[in-house]
Amino acid sequence: MRIASLDHLVLTVADLDATVEFYERLGMWREDFEDGRVALRFGAQKLNLHLAGEEIVPHARVARPGSADLCFLIEGSLEAAEQGLRAAAIPIELGPVERTGALGALRSLYVRDPDGNLVELSEAVG
């Protein structure tokens, strides 16, 4: 067996609406399921959202809001992303900085979502 790609990640969140609003400002879109589950779609992936204390079984052994460190590749330039973040009043914690991603060099900005998860927004270099 070989892993081919990432389909989804699960974030445990304190406030579904605040989380959805934040990630929608980053360009993701909400998906509601008939059983009440909520996800955020982007590209060919998604973030499934579990409300803290109401996690869907099975779930991580220690499911807590604010325990994730995520990196997303952006479309467009990092400068445009920085302008968009400032316009949306999303504070930039760090960046732009040089980093190394799965496929090579990145330039990144770091922000935090409503739960304090570290969100890296990256532009591929070269």
Protein backbone atom coordinates (compact mmCIF):
# COMPACT_ATOMS: atom_id res chain seq x y z
CA MET A 1 0.00 0.00 0.00
CA ARG A 2 1.06 3.59 -0.71
CA ILE A 3 -0.70 6.77 0.34
CA ALA A 4 -1.75 8.71 -2.77
CA SER A 5 -3.05 12.02 -1.41
CA LEU A 6 -4.81 13.76 1.44
CA ASP A 7 -8.61 13.76 1.28
CA HIS A 8 -9.59 15.59 4.48
CA LEU A 9 -8.55 16.63 7.96
CA VAL A 10 -10.76 17.00 11.01
CA LEU A 11 -10.65 20.12 13.18
CA THR A 12 -12.26 20.11 16.60
CA VAL A 13 -13.71 23.59 17.11
CA ALA A 14 -15.31 25.58 19.91
CA ASP A 15 -17.62 27.57 17.61
CA LEU A 16 -18.71 26.18 14.24
CA ASP A 17 -19.98 29.50 12.89
CA ALA A 18 -16.84 31.45 13.83
CA THR A 19 -14.66 28.77 12.26
CA VAL A 20 -16.71 28.67 9.07
CA GLU A 21 -16.65 32.47 8.78
CA PHE A 22 -12.86 32.57 9.22
CA TYR A 23 -12.09 29.90 6.62
CA GLU A 24 -14.64 31.32 4.17
CA ARG A 25 -12.62 34.57 4.29
CA LEU A 26 -9.65 32.45 3.16
CA GLY A 27 -11.63 31.19 0.16
CA MET A 28 -13.08 27.90 1.42
CA TRP A 29 -16.79 27.17 1.21
CA ARG A 30 -19.17 25.52 3.66
CA GLU A 31 -20.78 22.15 3.02
CA ASP A 32 -23.65 20.96 5.22
CA PHE A 33 -24.58 17.29 5.42
CA GLU A 34 -28.04 15.85 6.11
CA ASP A 35 -26.90 14.41 9.46
CA GLY A 36 -25.83 17.86 10.71
CA ARG A 37 -22.12 17.54 9.97
CA VAL A 38 -20.30 20.57 8.57
CA ALA A 39 -17.21 20.68 6.36
CA LEU A 40 -15.17 23.33 4.59
CA ARG A 41 -14.20 22.55 1.00
CA PHE A 42 -11.21 23.85 -0.93
CA GLY A 43 -9.71 22.41 -4.10
CA ALA A 44 -10.10 18.62 -3.97
CA GLN A 45 -9.90 18.49 -0.16
CA LYS A 46 -11.96 19.43 2.85
CA LEU A 47 -11.81 20.14 6.55
CA ASN A 48 -14.44 18.27 8.53
CA LEU A 49 -15.50 20.22 11.61
CA HIS A 50 -16.33 18.56 14.93
CA LEU A 51 -17.84 20.68 17.67
CA ALA A 52 -15.86 20.20 20.90
CA GLY A 53 -17.74 17.87 23.23
CA GLU A 54 -19.84 16.55 20.35
CA GLU A 55 -17.13 14.85 18.27
CA ILE A 56 -18.19 12.26 15.74
CA VAL A 57 -17.05 8.71 16.61
CA PRO A 58 -14.36 7.66 15.97
CA HIS A 59 -12.23 10.73 16.63
CA ALA A 60 -8.74 11.65 17.76
CA ARG A 61 -7.83 10.38 21.20
CA VAL A 62 -7.27 13.95 22.43
CA ALA A 63 -9.60 16.11 20.34
CA ARG A 64 -9.14 19.76 21.33
CA PRO A 65 -9.76 23.10 19.70
CA GLY A 66 -6.54 24.90 18.87
CA SER A 67 -4.25 21.87 18.60
CA ALA A 68 -3.64 21.94 14.82
CA ASP A 69 -0.84 23.40 12.72
CA LEU A 70 -1.96 23.54 9.08
CA CYS A 71 -0.34 24.68 5.84
CA PHE A 72 -2.36 25.60 2.76
CA LEU A 73 -0.98 26.42 -0.67
CA ILE A 74 -2.61 29.54 -2.06
CA GLU A 75 -3.57 30.55 -5.58
CA GLY A 76 -2.05 33.85 -6.65
CA SER A 77 0.72 35.81 -5.02
CA LEU A 78 1.63 36.00 -1.37
CA GLU A 79 1.46 39.81 -1.65
CA ALA A 80 -2.17 39.60 -2.79
CA ALA A 81 -2.91 37.18 0.06
CA GLU A 82 -1.33 39.59 2.55
CA GLN A 83 -3.47 42.46 1.23
CA GLY A 84 -6.58 40.27 1.45
CA LEU A 85 -5.80 39.27 5.04
CA ARG A 86 -5.30 42.90 6.05
CA ALA A 87 -8.54 43.91 4.31
CA ALA A 88 -10.37 41.12 6.17
CA ALA A 89 -8.82 42.28 9.48
CA ILE A 90 -7.05 38.94 9.97
CA PRO A 91 -3.83 39.62 11.92
CA ILE A 92 -0.64 38.22 10.44
CA GLU A 93 1.44 36.57 13.14
CA LEU A 94 4.58 36.03 11.05
CA GLY A 95 5.77 36.52 7.52
CA PRO A 96 6.46 36.57 4.80
CA VAL A 97 9.13 33.95 5.58
CA GLU A 98 10.91 31.26 3.58
CA ARG A 99 9.91 27.67 4.36
CA THR A 100 10.27 24.21 2.85
CA GLY A 101 7.10 22.40 1.79
CA ALA A 102 6.41 18.88 0.59
CA LEU A 103 7.47 19.70 -2.98
CA GLY A 104 10.01 22.47 -2.46
CA ALA A 105 10.53 26.06 -1.38
CA LEU A 106 7.65 28.16 -0.05
CA ARG A 107 7.04 31.75 1.01
CA SER A 108 4.58 31.82 3.88
CA LEU A 109 2.38 33.97 6.08
CA TYR A 110 1.09 32.71 9.43
CA VAL A 111 -2.30 33.53 10.96
CA ARG A 112 -4.47 31.96 13.66
CA ASP A 113 -8.04 30.76 13.31
CA PRO A 114 -10.70 31.43 16.01
CA ASP A 115 -9.52 28.41 18.05
CA GLY A 116 -5.86 29.42 17.90
CA ASN A 117 -4.85 26.82 15.32
CA LEU A 118 -1.75 27.95 13.44
CA VAL A 119 -2.60 28.45 9.75
CA GLU A 120 0.27 28.79 7.29
CA LEU A 121 -0.65 30.27 3.90
CA SER A 122 2.04 29.52 1.35
CA GLU A 123 3.09 30.38 -2.17
CA ALA A 124 5.30 27.88 -3.99
CA VAL A 125 8.63 29.40 -5.06
CA GLY A 126 10.09 28.49 -8.43
